[in-house]
C-alpha atoms as a PDB file:
ATOM      1  CA  MET A   1     131.054  29.994  81.667  1.00  0.00           C
ATOM      2  CA  ASP A   2     129.932  27.550  78.997  1.00  0.00           C
ATOM      3  CA  GLN A   3     128.169  29.330  76.210  1.00  0.00           C
ATOM      4  CA  GLY A   4     125.849  26.414  75.859  1.00  0.00           C
ATOM      5  CA  GLN A   5     124.840  26.586  79.562  1.00  0.00           C
ATOM      6  CA  SER A   6     121.336  27.871  80.150  1.00  0.00           C
ATOM      7  CA  GLN A   7     121.390  31.203  81.916  1.00  0.00           C
ATOM      8  CA  ALA A   8     118.807  33.907  82.813  1.00  0.00           C
ATOM      9  CA  THR A   9     117.906  36.221  79.902  1.00  0.00           C
ATOM     10  CA  ILE A  10     118.849  39.772  80.851  1.00  0.00           C
ATOM     11  CA  LEU A  11     118.085  41.532  77.556  1.00  0.00           C
ATOM     12  CA  GLN A  12     115.427  40.957  74.946  1.00  0.00           C
ATOM     13  CA  LEU A  13     114.504  42.849  71.842  1.00  0.00           C
ATOM     14  CA  HIS A  14     111.260  41.974  69.944  1.00  0.00           C
ATOM     15  CA  GLY A  15     110.644  43.510  66.463  1.00  0.00           C
ATOM     16  CA  VAL A  16     112.706  46.575  67.426  1.00  0.00           C
ATOM     17  CA  GLY A  17     113.189  49.456  65.017  1.00  0.00           C
ATOM     18  CA  MET A  18     115.055  52.680  65.675  1.00  0.00           C
ATOM     19  CA  ARG A  19     115.541  55.971  63.825  1.00  0.00           C
ATOM     20  CA  TYR A  20     117.267  59.281  64.622  1.00  0.00           C
ATOM     21  CA  GLY A  21     114.712  62.058  64.598  1.00  0.00           C
ATOM     22  CA  SER A  22     112.458  61.891  61.565  1.00  0.00           C
ATOM     23  CA  GLY A  23     114.864  60.006  59.378  1.00  0.00           C
ATOM     24  CA  GLU A  24     114.586  56.457  58.035  1.00  0.00           C
ATOM     25  CA  GLU A  25     115.010  53.576  60.386  1.00  0.00           C
ATOM     26  CA  VAL A  26     118.665  52.551  60.994  1.00  0.00           C
ATOM     27  CA  LEU A  27     117.575  49.461  62.814  1.00  0.00           C
ATOM     28  CA  ARG A  28     114.802  47.170  61.452  1.00  0.00           C
ATOM     29  CA  ASP A  29     112.939  44.208  62.973  1.00  0.00           C
ATOM     30  CA  ILE A  30     115.565  43.332  65.516  1.00  0.00           C
ATOM     31  CA  ASP A  31     114.988  40.189  67.572  1.00  0.00           C
ATOM     32  CA  LEU A  32     117.699  39.321  70.112  1.00  0.00           C
ATOM     33  CA  SER A  33     118.069  37.665  73.464  1.00  0.00           C
ATOM     34  CA  ILE A  34     121.197  38.033  75.546  1.00  0.00           C
ATOM     35  CA  ASN A  35     121.791  35.758  78.494  1.00  0.00           C
ATOM     36  CA  ALA A  36     123.736  36.437  81.660  1.00  0.00           C
ATOM     37  CA  GLY A  37     127.312  35.131  81.366  1.00  0.00           C
ATOM     38  CA  SER A  38     127.348  35.022  77.624  1.00  0.00           C
ATOM     39  CA  PHE A  39     129.817  36.522  75.150  1.00  0.00           C
ATOM     40  CA  HIS A  40     128.893  37.643  71.638  1.00  0.00           C
ATOM     41  CA  TYR A  41     130.767  39.497  68.947  1.00  0.00           C
ATOM     42  CA  LEU A  42     128.796  42.052  66.931  1.00  0.00           C
ATOM     43  CA  VAL A  43     130.155  42.218  63.336  1.00  0.00           C
ATOM     44  CA  GLY A  44     129.217  43.522  59.958  1.00  0.00           C
ATOM     45  CA  PRO A  45     130.198  46.173  57.377  1.00  0.00           C
ATOM     46  CA  SER A  46     130.574  49.867  58.250  1.00  0.00           C
ATOM     47  CA  GLY A  47     127.159  51.479  58.426  1.00  0.00           C
ATOM     48  CA  ALA A  48     125.332  48.158  59.198  1.00  0.00           C
ATOM     49  CA  GLY A  49     123.919  49.604  62.481  1.00  0.00           C
ATOM     50  CA  LYS A  50     126.253  48.069  65.025  1.00  0.00           C
ATOM     51  CA  THR A  51     126.876  51.187  67.053  1.00  0.00           C
ATOM     52  CA  SER A  52     123.203  52.055  66.931  1.00  0.00           C
ATOM     53  CA  LEU A  53     122.311  48.695  68.250  1.00  0.00           C
ATOM     54  CA  LEU A  54     124.655  49.046  71.151  1.00  0.00           C
ATOM     55  CA  ARG A  55     123.196  52.482  71.917  1.00  0.00           C
ATOM     56  CA  VAL A  56     119.765  50.932  72.046  1.00  0.00           C
ATOM     57  CA  MET A  57     120.969  48.171  74.310  1.00  0.00           C
ATOM     58  CA  SER A  58     122.501  50.761  76.598  1.00  0.00           C
ATOM     59  CA  LEU A  59     119.321  52.798  76.731  1.00  0.00           C
ATOM     60  CA  SER A  60     121.092  55.717  75.209  1.00  0.00           C
ATOM     61  CA  VAL A  61     118.539  56.165  72.482  1.00  0.00           C
ATOM     62  CA  PRO A  62     114.882  55.293  72.481  1.00  0.00           C
ATOM     63  CA  ILE A  63     113.432  52.622  70.111  1.00  0.00           C
ATOM     64  CA  SER A  64     110.860  53.680  67.501  1.00  0.00           C
ATOM     65  CA  ARG A  65     108.861  50.472  67.639  1.00  0.00           C
ATOM     66  CA  GLY A  66     108.920  47.035  69.069  1.00  0.00           C
ATOM     67  CA  LYS A  67     109.609  45.984  72.667  1.00  0.00           C
ATOM     68  CA  LEU A  68     112.802  46.102  74.680  1.00  0.00           C
ATOM     69  CA  GLU A  69     113.087  44.371  78.012  1.00  0.00           C
ATOM     70  CA  ILE A  70     116.206  44.628  80.209  1.00  0.00           C
ATOM     71  CA  PHE A  71     116.828  42.831  83.554  1.00  0.00           C
ATOM     72  CA  GLY A  72     113.178  41.686  83.434  1.00  0.00           C
ATOM     73  CA  SER A  73     111.648  45.097  82.900  1.00  0.00           C
ATOM     74  CA  ASP A  74     109.930  46.496  79.906  1.00  0.00           C
ATOM     75  CA  VAL A  75     111.646  49.921  79.266  1.00  0.00           C
ATOM     76  CA  ARG A  76     108.217  51.484  78.499  1.00  0.00           C
ATOM     77  CA  ASN A  77     107.362  51.044  82.202  1.00  0.00           C
ATOM     78  CA  LEU A  78     110.589  52.569  83.494  1.00  0.00           C
ATOM     79  CA  ASP A  79     110.639  56.135  84.810  1.00  0.00           C
ATOM     80  CA  ARG A  80     113.780  58.365  84.754  1.00  0.00           C
ATOM     81  CA  HIS A  81     115.004  57.137  88.074  1.00  0.00           C
ATOM     82  CA  ASP A  82     114.504  53.493  87.009  1.00  0.00           C
ATOM     83  CA  ILE A  83     116.502  54.098  83.847  1.00  0.00           C
ATOM     84  CA  VAL A  84     119.362  55.653  85.798  1.00  0.00           C
ATOM     85  CA  ARG A  85     119.393  52.522  88.122  1.00  0.00           C
ATOM     86  CA  VAL A  86     119.374  50.217  85.122  1.00  0.00           C
ATOM     87  CA  ARG A  87     122.226  52.074  83.409  1.00  0.00           C
ATOM     88  CA  ARG A  88     124.375  51.618  86.516  1.00  0.00           C
ATOM     89  CA  ARG A  89     124.294  47.828  85.763  1.00  0.00           C
ATOM     90  CA  ILE A  90     125.635  48.397  82.262  1.00  0.00           C
ATOM     91  CA  GLY A  91     129.232  49.095  81.356  1.00  0.00           C
ATOM     92  CA  VAL A  92     129.715  50.918  78.087  1.00  0.00           C
ATOM     93  CA  VAL A  93     132.848  51.441  75.992  1.00  0.00           C
ATOM     94  CA  SER A  94     132.229  53.777  73.039  1.00  0.00           C
ATOM     95  CA  GLN A  95     134.612  54.588  70.169  1.00  0.00           C
ATOM     96  CA  GLU A  96     134.812  58.188  71.463  1.00  0.00           C
ATOM     97  CA  CYS A  97     136.017  57.215  74.975  1.00  0.00           C
ATOM     98  CA  ARG A  98     134.233  60.198  76.513  1.00  0.00           C
ATOM     99  CA  LEU A  99     136.608  60.649  79.398  1.00  0.00           C
ATOM    100  CA  LEU A 100     136.201  63.768  81.685  1.00  0.00           C
ATOM    101  CA  ASP A 101     139.170  65.939  80.955  1.00  0.00           C
ATOM    102  CA  HIS A 102     139.100  67.770  84.252  1.00  0.00           C
ATOM    103  CA  LEU A 103     139.473  64.465  86.200  1.00  0.00           C
ATOM    104  CA  THR A 104     142.631  62.398  86.542  1.00  0.00           C
ATOM    105  CA  VAL A 105     142.801  58.900  85.126  1.00  0.00           C
ATOM    106  CA  PHE A 106     142.230  57.472  88.631  1.00  0.00           C
ATOM    107  CA  ASP A 107     139.189  59.661  89.213  1.00  0.00           C
ATOM    108  CA  ASN A 108     137.743  58.863  85.811  1.00  0.00           C
ATOM    109  CA  VAL A 109     137.889  55.119  86.483  1.00  0.00           C
ATOM    110  CA  ALA A 110     136.591  55.652  90.071  1.00  0.00           C
ATOM    111  CA  LEU A 111     133.611  57.678  89.006  1.00  0.00           C
ATOM    112  CA  PRO A 112     131.101  54.835  88.644  1.00  0.00           C
ATOM    113  CA  LEU A 113     132.134  53.311  91.915  1.00  0.00           C
ATOM    114  CA  ARG A 114     131.690  56.678  93.643  1.00  0.00           C
ATOM    115  CA  ILE A 115     128.338  57.228  92.056  1.00  0.00           C
ATOM    116  CA  GLY A 116     127.317  53.750  93.272  1.00  0.00           C
ATOM    117  CA  GLY A 117     128.323  54.651  96.810  1.00  0.00           C
ATOM    118  CA  ALA A 118     131.437  52.469  97.268  1.00  0.00           C
ATOM    119  CA  ASP A 119     133.729  53.442 100.206  1.00  0.00           C
ATOM    120  CA  GLU A 120     137.053  55.012  99.264  1.00  0.00           C
ATOM    121  CA  GLU A 121     139.139  52.114 100.528  1.00  0.00           C
ATOM    122  CA  ARG A 122     137.409  49.751  98.112  1.00  0.00           C
ATOM    123  CA  ILE A 123     137.726  52.357  95.321  1.00  0.00           C
ATOM    124  CA  ALA A 124     141.429  52.806  95.919  1.00  0.00           C
ATOM    125  CA  ALA A 125     142.046  49.024  95.800  1.00  0.00           C
ATOM    126  CA  HIS A 126     139.854  48.341  92.760  1.00  0.00           C
ATOM    127  CA  VAL A 127     140.967  51.198  90.632  1.00  0.00           C
ATOM    128  CA  SER A 128     144.681  50.862  91.395  1.00  0.00           C
ATOM    129  CA  GLN A 129     144.605  47.163  90.704  1.00  0.00           C
ATOM    130  CA  MET A 130     142.754  47.656  87.380  1.00  0.00           C
ATOM    131  CA  LEU A 131     145.034  50.383  86.169  1.00  0.00           C
ATOM    132  CA  ALA A 132     148.196  48.503  87.138  1.00  0.00           C
ATOM    133  CA  TRP A 133     146.967  45.429  85.328  1.00  0.00           C
ATOM    134  CA  LEU A 134     146.435  47.487  82.222  1.00  0.00           C
ATOM    135  CA  GLY A 135     149.895  49.005  82.468  1.00  0.00           C
ATOM    136  CA  LEU A 136     148.661  52.546  83.397  1.00  0.00           C
ATOM    137  CA  ALA A 137     149.953  52.606  86.988  1.00  0.00           C
ATOM    138  CA  ASP A 138     152.285  55.510  86.241  1.00  0.00           C
ATOM    139  CA  LEU A 139     149.460  57.658  84.759  1.00  0.00           C
ATOM    140  CA  MET A 140     146.939  57.532  87.576  1.00  0.00           C
ATOM    141  CA  GLU A 141     147.352  61.190  88.317  1.00  0.00           C
ATOM    142  CA  ALA A 142     147.547  62.227  84.650  1.00  0.00           C
ATOM    143  CA  LYS A 143     144.753  64.115  83.006  1.00  0.00           C
ATOM    144  CA  PRO A 144     143.239  62.558  79.785  1.00  0.00           C
ATOM    145  CA  ASN A 145     144.731  65.246  77.512  1.00  0.00           C
ATOM    146  CA  ARG A 146     148.209  63.826  78.302  1.00  0.00           C
ATOM    147  CA  LEU A 147     147.240  60.381  77.034  1.00  0.00           C
ATOM    148  CA  SER A 148     147.577  58.748  73.612  1.00  0.00           C
ATOM    149  CA  THR A 149     144.445  57.482  71.848  1.00  0.00           C
ATOM    150  CA  GLY A 150     145.193  53.916  72.889  1.00  0.00           C
ATOM    151  CA  GLN A 151     145.774  54.882  76.522  1.00  0.00           C
ATOM    152  CA  ARG A 152     142.470  56.804  76.577  1.00  0.00           C
ATOM    153  CA  GLN A 153     140.786  53.719  75.240  1.00  0.00           C
ATOM    154  CA  LEU A 154     142.292  51.617  78.045  1.00  0.00           C
ATOM    155  CA  VAL A 155     141.122  54.104  80.721  1.00  0.00           C
ATOM    156  CA  ALA A 156     137.572  53.988  79.241  1.00  0.00           C
ATOM    157  CA  ILE A 157     137.541  50.298  79.352  1.00  0.00           C
ATOM    158  CA  ALA A 158     138.821  50.272  82.961  1.00  0.00           C
ATOM    159  CA  ARG A 159     135.947  52.630  83.888  1.00  0.00           C
ATOM    160  CA  ALA A 160     133.417  50.366  82.195  1.00  0.00           C
ATOM    161  CA  VAL A 161     134.348  47.163  83.849  1.00  0.00           C
ATOM    162  CA  VAL A 162     135.600  48.321  87.353  1.00  0.00           C
ATOM    163  CA  THR A 163     132.075  47.896  88.719  1.00  0.00           C
ATOM    164  CA  ARG A 164     131.805  44.361  87.289  1.00  0.00           C
ATOM    165  CA  PRO A 165     128.602  45.280  85.383  1.00  0.00           C
ATOM    166  CA  ASP A 166     125.850  42.754  84.471  1.00  0.00           C
ATOM    167  CA  LEU A 167     126.083  43.833  80.882  1.00  0.00           C
ATOM    168  CA  LEU A 168     129.162  45.157  79.029  1.00  0.00           C
ATOM    169  CA  LEU A 169     128.730  46.747  75.632  1.00  0.00           C
ATOM    170  CA  ALA A 170     131.974  47.485  73.899  1.00  0.00           C
ATOM    171  CA  ASP A 171     132.296  49.203  70.491  1.00  0.00           C
ATOM    172  CA  GLU A 172     135.630  48.425  68.789  1.00  0.00           C
ATOM    173  CA  PRO A 173     137.438  48.357  72.172  1.00  0.00           C
ATOM    174  CA  THR A 174     140.717  47.102  70.829  1.00  0.00           C
ATOM    175  CA  SER A 175     140.986  49.207  67.702  1.00  0.00           C
ATOM    176  CA  ASN A 176     143.567  51.670  68.967  1.00  0.00           C
ATOM    177  CA  VAL A 177     145.331  49.300  71.489  1.00  0.00           C
ATOM    178  CA  ASP A 178     148.755  47.847  70.938  1.00  0.00           C
ATOM    179  CA  PRO A 179     148.960  44.004  70.349  1.00  0.00           C
ATOM    180  CA  ALA A 180     150.411  43.156  73.781  1.00  0.00           C
ATOM    181  CA  ARG A 181     147.548  44.907  75.587  1.00  0.00           C
ATOM    182  CA  VAL A 182     144.928  43.427  73.329  1.00  0.00           C
ATOM    183  CA  GLU A 183     145.928  40.061  74.788  1.00  0.00           C
ATOM    184  CA  ARG A 184     145.226  41.385  78.272  1.00  0.00           C
ATOM    185  CA  LEU A 185     141.961  43.015  77.224  1.00  0.00           C
ATOM    186  CA  MET A 186     140.687  39.818  75.541  1.00  0.00           C
ATOM    187  CA  TYR A 187     141.584  37.815  78.619  1.00  0.00           C
ATOM    188  CA  LEU A 188     139.561  40.410  80.651  1.00  0.00           C
ATOM    189  CA  PHE A 189     136.569  40.382  78.330  1.00  0.00           C
ATOM    190  CA  THR A 190     136.368  36.654  78.189  1.00  0.00           C
ATOM    191  CA  GLU A 191     136.809  36.193  81.893  1.00  0.00           C
ATOM    192  CA  LEU A 192     133.992  38.519  82.809  1.00  0.00           C
ATOM    193  CA  PRO A 193     131.211  36.067  81.637  1.00  0.00           C
ATOM    194  CA  LYS A 194     132.569  33.602  84.267  1.00  0.00           C
ATOM    195  CA  LEU A 195     131.436  36.175  86.857  1.00  0.00           C
ATOM    196  CA  GLY A 196     128.017  36.475  85.284  1.00  0.00           C
ATOM    197  CA  THR A 197     128.592  39.451  83.044  1.00  0.00           C
ATOM    198  CA  ALA A 198     127.078  39.306  79.573  1.00  0.00           C
ATOM    199  CA  VAL A 199     129.459  40.802  76.931  1.00  0.00           C
ATOM    200  CA  VAL A 200     128.553  42.158  73.484  1.00  0.00           C
ATOM    201  CA  LEU A 201     131.728  43.298  71.658  1.00  0.00           C
ATOM    202  CA  ALA A 202     131.638  44.980  68.310  1.00  0.00           C
ATOM    203  CA  SER A 203     134.648  44.499  66.066  1.00  0.00           C
ATOM    204  CA  HIS A 204     135.951  44.570  62.478  1.00  0.00           C
ATOM    205  CA  SER A 205     138.965  42.469  63.359  1.00  0.00           C
ATOM    206  CA  ARG A 206     138.893  39.034  61.839  1.00  0.00           C
ATOM    207  CA  GLU A 207     142.151  38.101  63.568  1.00  0.00           C
ATOM    208  CA  LEU A 208     140.605  38.968  66.889  1.00  0.00           C
ATOM    209  CA  LEU A 209     137.773  36.593  66.275  1.00  0.00           C
ATOM    210  CA  ARG A 210     139.858  33.858  64.928  1.00  0.00           C
ATOM    211  CA  ARG A 211     141.943  33.756  67.995  1.00  0.00           C
ATOM    212  CA  TRP A 212     139.134  34.013  70.502  1.00  0.00           C
ATOM    213  CA  PRO A 213     136.238  32.270  68.811  1.00  0.00           C
ATOM    214  CA  TYR A 214     132.832  33.038  70.310  1.00  0.00           C
ATOM    215  CA  PRO A 215     129.236  33.274  68.954  1.00  0.00           C
ATOM    216  CA  VAL A 216     128.732  36.056  66.426  1.00  0.00           C
ATOM    217  CA  LEU A 217     125.830  38.394  65.723  1.00  0.00           C
ATOM    218  CA  TRP A 218     125.981  39.532  62.045  1.00  0.00           C
ATOM    219  CA  MET A 219     124.515  42.939  61.053  1.00  0.00           C
ATOM    220  CA  GLU A 220     123.821  44.232  57.632  1.00  0.00           C
ATOM    221  CA  GLY A 221     121.409  46.975  56.492  1.00  0.00           C
ATOM    222  CA  GLY A 222     120.183  47.505  59.896  1.00  0.00           C
ATOM    223  CA  ARG A 223     119.121  43.994  60.368  1.00  0.00           C
ATOM    224  CA  LEU A 224     120.466  41.295  62.614  1.00  0.00           C
ATOM    225  CA  THR A 225     120.844  37.600  61.652  1.00  0.00           C
ATOM    226  CA  GLN A 226     120.604  34.712  64.221  1.00  0.00           C
ATOM    227  CA  PRO A 227     123.801  34.163  66.192  1.00  0.00           C
ATOM    228  CA  THR A 228     126.226  32.077  64.207  1.00  0.00           C
ATOM    229  CA  VAL A 229     129.860  30.983  64.600  1.00  0.00           C
ATOM    230  CA  TRP A 230     132.752  33.090  63.214  1.00  0.00           C
ATOM    231  CA  THR A 231     134.402  30.091  61.631  1.00  0.00           C
ATOM    232  CA  SER A 232     132.773  30.394  58.184  1.00  0.00           C
ATOM    233  CA  LEU A 233     133.065  34.178  58.189  1.00  0.00           C
ATOM    234  CA  ALA A 234     136.775  34.061  59.165  1.00  0.00           C
ATOM    235  CA  ALA A 235     137.598  31.718  56.374  1.00  0.00           C
ATOM    236  CA  GLU A 236     136.545  34.250  53.755  1.00  0.00           C
END
Protein backbone atom coordinates (compact mmCIF):
# COMPACT_ATOMS: atom_id res chain seq x y z
CA MET A 1 0.00 0.00 0.00
CA ASP A 2 1.34 3.42 -0.94
CA GLN A 3 2.54 5.23 2.17
CA GLY A 4 1.29 8.48 0.71
CA GLN A 5 -2.19 7.14 0.13
CA SER A 6 -4.80 8.57 2.51
CA GLN A 7 -6.12 5.92 4.90
CA ALA A 8 -8.31 5.84 7.98
CA THR A 9 -6.57 6.79 11.21
CA ILE A 10 -6.66 3.87 13.63
CA LEU A 11 -4.48 5.22 16.44
CA GLN A 12 -4.02 8.75 17.76
CA LEU A 13 -2.07 10.06 20.73
CA HIS A 14 -2.50 13.68 21.81
CA GLY A 15 -0.15 15.18 24.41
CA VAL A 16 0.40 11.76 25.97
CA GLY A 17 2.61 11.26 28.99
CA MET A 18 3.29 7.98 30.77
CA ARG A 19 5.05 6.98 33.98
CA TYR A 20 5.53 3.74 35.85
CA GLY A 21 4.09 4.05 39.33
CA SER A 22 5.09 7.29 41.01
CA GLY A 23 8.31 7.71 39.06
CA GLU A 24 9.18 10.37 36.52
CA GLU A 25 7.50 10.32 33.14
CA VAL A 26 9.21 8.08 30.62
CA LEU A 27 7.06 9.41 27.78
CA ARG A 28 6.43 13.13 27.39
CA ASP A 29 4.07 15.09 25.14
CA ILE A 30 3.62 12.37 22.53
CA ASP A 31 1.58 13.37 19.49
CA LEU A 32 1.19 10.61 16.91
CA SER A 33 -1.26 9.40 14.27
CA ILE A 34 -1.07 5.95 12.69
CA ASN A 35 -3.12 5.12 9.60
CA ALA A 36 -4.42 1.76 8.46
CA GLY A 37 -2.07 0.13 5.97
CA SER A 38 0.97 2.18 7.01
CA PHE A 39 4.46 1.05 8.01
CA HIS A 40 6.71 2.97 10.40
CA TYR A 41 10.01 2.19 12.04
CA LEU A 42 10.48 3.36 15.62
CA VAL A 43 14.12 4.21 16.27
CA GLY A 44 16.27 5.97 18.81
CA PRO A 45 18.97 5.29 21.42
CA SER A 46 18.54 2.74 24.20
CA GLY A 47 16.36 4.13 26.96
CA ALA A 48 14.62 6.58 24.65
CA GLY A 49 11.18 5.15 25.45
CA LYS A 50 10.50 2.99 22.39
CA THR A 51 9.33 -0.07 24.32
CA SER A 52 7.22 2.09 26.63
CA LEU A 53 5.53 3.71 23.64
CA LEU A 54 4.75 0.32 22.12
CA ARG A 55 3.27 -0.77 25.46
CA VAL A 56 1.05 2.30 25.52
CA MET A 57 -0.07 1.65 21.94
CA SER A 58 -0.95 -1.95 22.81
CA LEU A 59 -2.96 -0.81 25.88
CA SER A 60 -0.60 -2.79 28.12
CA VAL A 61 0.01 0.23 30.38
CA PRO A 62 -2.18 3.27 31.05
CA ILE A 63 -1.19 6.80 30.12
CA SER A 64 -0.71 9.36 32.90
CA ARG A 65 -2.03 12.29 30.87
CA GLY A 66 -3.21 13.24 27.41
CA LYS A 67 -5.60 11.40 25.13
CA LEU A 68 -5.33 8.03 23.39
CA GLU A 69 -7.80 7.01 20.71
CA ILE A 70 -7.71 3.59 19.06
CA PHE A 71 -9.99 2.28 16.33
CA GLY A 72 -12.13 5.38 16.77
CA SER A 73 -12.63 5.05 20.55
CA ASP A 74 -11.19 7.10 23.40
CA VAL A 75 -9.61 4.54 25.74
CA ARG A 76 -10.99 6.46 28.72
CA ASN A 77 -14.47 5.36 27.62
CA LEU A 78 -13.61 1.67 27.28
CA ASP A 79 -14.55 -0.84 29.95
CA ARG A 80 -12.61 -4.04 30.62
CA HIS A 81 -14.53 -6.05 28.00
CA ASP A 82 -14.01 -3.34 25.38
CA ILE A 83 -10.28 -3.32 26.06
CA VAL A 84 -10.11 -7.11 25.60
CA ARG A 85 -11.96 -6.74 22.30
CA VAL A 86 -9.61 -4.00 21.11
CA ARG A 87 -6.50 -5.96 22.09
CA ARG A 88 -7.64 -8.85 19.89
CA ARG A 89 -7.19 -6.52 16.93
CA ILE A 90 -3.56 -5.83 17.89
CA GLY A 91 -0.61 -8.15 17.26
CA VAL A 92 2.31 -7.69 19.65
CA VAL A 93 5.87 -9.00 19.36
CA SER A 94 7.84 -8.23 22.52
CA GLN A 95 11.54 -8.74 23.14
CA GLU A 96 10.70 -11.35 25.79
CA CYS A 97 8.64 -13.50 23.35
CA ARG A 98 6.34 -14.63 26.22
CA LEU A 99 5.46 -18.04 24.85
CA LEU A 100 3.44 -20.46 26.99
CA ASP A 101 5.88 -23.20 27.88
CA HIS A 102 3.22 -25.85 28.54
CA LEU A 103 1.88 -25.52 24.97
CA THR A 104 3.44 -26.81 21.76
CA VAL A 105 4.70 -24.44 19.10
CA PHE A 106 1.55 -25.15 17.08
CA ASP A 107 -0.74 -24.42 20.02
CA ASN A 108 1.11 -21.23 20.94
CA VAL A 109 0.55 -19.87 17.45
CA ALA A 110 -3.03 -21.14 17.32
CA LEU A 111 -3.96 -19.54 20.64
CA PRO A 112 -5.24 -16.15 19.36
CA LEU A 113 -7.25 -17.88 16.63
CA ARG A 114 -8.88 -20.17 19.19
CA ILE A 115 -9.62 -17.26 21.49
CA GLY A 116 -11.24 -15.52 18.54
CA GLY A 117 -13.48 -18.52 17.87
CA ALA A 118 -11.94 -19.78 14.61
CA ASP A 119 -12.79 -23.34 13.62
CA GLU A 120 -10.12 -26.00 13.89
CA GLU A 121 -9.90 -26.57 10.14
CA ARG A 122 -9.03 -22.94 9.55
CA ILE A 123 -6.62 -22.98 12.48
CA ALA A 124 -4.81 -26.06 11.18
CA ALA A 125 -4.43 -24.53 7.72
CA HIS A 126 -3.31 -21.07 8.81
CA VAL A 127 -0.93 -22.16 11.56
CA SER A 128 0.69 -24.94 9.54
CA GLN A 129 1.20 -22.64 6.58
CA MET A 130 2.70 -19.89 8.71
CA LEU A 131 5.10 -22.20 10.55
CA ALA A 132 6.19 -23.92 7.34
CA TRP A 133 6.85 -20.58 5.68
CA LEU A 134 9.05 -19.56 8.61
CA GLY A 135 10.97 -22.84 8.45
CA LEU A 136 9.49 -24.26 11.65
CA ALA A 137 7.38 -27.09 10.20
CA ASP A 138 9.44 -29.76 11.95
CA LEU A 139 9.01 -28.06 15.34
CA MET A 140 5.21 -27.81 15.44
CA GLU A 141 4.91 -30.35 18.27
CA ALA A 142 7.93 -29.09 20.19
CA LYS A 143 7.64 -27.19 23.45
CA PRO A 144 9.25 -23.73 23.65
CA ASN A 145 12.01 -24.92 26.01
CA ARG A 146 13.45 -26.94 23.11
CA LEU A 147 13.82 -23.89 20.90
CA SER A 148 16.71 -21.53 20.35
CA THR A 149 16.24 -17.83 21.10
CA GLY A 150 15.80 -17.10 17.41
CA GLN A 151 13.24 -19.88 16.98
CA ARG A 152 11.25 -18.60 19.96
CA GLN A 153 11.22 -15.18 18.37
CA LEU A 154 9.87 -16.61 15.12
CA VAL A 155 7.09 -18.44 16.98
CA ALA A 156 6.15 -15.22 18.77
CA ILE A 157 6.01 -13.40 15.44
CA ALA A 158 3.87 -16.14 13.89
CA ARG A 159 1.45 -15.90 16.82
CA ALA A 160 1.23 -12.11 16.45
CA VAL A 161 0.47 -12.09 12.72
CA VAL A 162 -1.57 -15.28 12.21
CA THR A 163 -4.83 -13.40 12.88
CA ARG A 164 -3.92 -10.64 10.39
CA PRO A 165 -4.30 -7.93 13.05
CA ASP A 166 -5.34 -4.37 12.29
CA LEU A 167 -2.26 -3.12 14.14
CA LEU A 168 1.08 -4.91 14.56
CA LEU A 169 3.56 -3.63 17.16
CA ALA A 170 6.95 -5.32 16.99
CA ASP A 171 9.84 -4.61 19.38
CA GLU A 172 13.19 -5.60 17.80
CA PRO A 173 11.59 -8.61 16.03
CA THR A 174 14.65 -9.47 13.93
CA SER A 175 17.34 -9.04 16.61
CA ASN A 176 17.90 -12.77 17.26
CA VAL A 177 16.95 -14.12 13.83
CA ASP A 178 19.43 -15.42 11.27
CA PRO A 179 19.91 -13.30 8.10
CA ALA A 180 18.09 -15.71 5.77
CA ARG A 181 14.96 -15.59 7.91
CA VAL A 182 15.22 -11.81 8.33
CA GLU A 183 14.55 -11.60 4.59
CA ARG A 184 11.34 -13.59 5.00
CA LEU A 185 10.24 -11.65 8.04
CA MET A 186 10.72 -8.30 6.35
CA TYR A 187 8.80 -9.54 3.34
CA LEU A 188 6.00 -10.52 5.72
CA PHE A 189 6.07 -7.25 7.66
CA THR A 190 6.07 -5.12 4.52
CA GLU A 191 3.30 -7.15 2.86
CA LEU A 192 0.91 -6.81 5.81
CA PRO A 193 0.14 -3.14 5.08
CA LYS A 194 -1.16 -4.20 1.67
CA LEU A 195 -3.85 -6.11 3.59
CA GLY A 196 -4.67 -3.04 5.69
CA THR A 197 -2.52 -3.79 8.76
CA ALA A 198 -0.64 -0.86 10.27
CA VAL A 199 2.87 -1.87 11.32
CA VAL A 200 5.14 -0.14 13.86
CA LEU A 201 8.51 -1.87 14.11
CA ALA A 202 11.14 -0.81 16.65
CA SER A 203 14.70 -1.52 15.56
CA HIS A 204 18.32 -0.56 16.19
CA SER A 205 19.46 -2.01 12.86
CA ARG A 206 20.57 0.61 10.37
CA GLU A 207 21.19 -2.12 7.81
CA LEU A 208 17.59 -3.24 8.12
CA LEU A 209 16.29 0.25 7.52
CA ARG A 210 18.69 0.92 4.67
CA ARG A 211 17.47 -2.14 2.78
CA TRP A 212 13.77 -1.61 3.45
CA PRO A 213 13.31 2.17 3.58
CA TYR A 214 10.05 3.30 5.20
CA PRO A 215 9.05 6.33 7.29
CA VAL A 216 10.78 6.63 10.66
CA LEU A 217 9.59 7.81 14.06
CA TRP A 218 12.60 9.04 16.03
CA MET A 219 12.54 8.92 19.84
CA GLU A 220 14.92 10.49 22.31
CA GLY A 221 14.46 11.31 25.98
CA GLY A 222 10.88 10.08 25.97
CA ARG A 223 9.86 12.43 23.18
CA LEU A 224 8.84 11.66 19.63
CA THR A 225 9.75 13.71 16.58
CA GLN A 226 7.61 14.05 13.52
CA PRO A 227 7.93 11.11 11.10
CA THR A 228 11.00 11.46 8.93
CA VAL A 229 12.85 9.39 6.36
CA TRP A 230 15.69 7.09 7.38
CA THR A 231 17.95 8.26 4.59
CA SER A 232 19.64 11.04 6.56
CA LEU A 233 19.99 8.91 9.68
CA ALA A 234 21.36 5.92 7.79
CA ALA A 235 24.04 8.07 6.24
CA GLU A 236 25.55 8.89 9.64
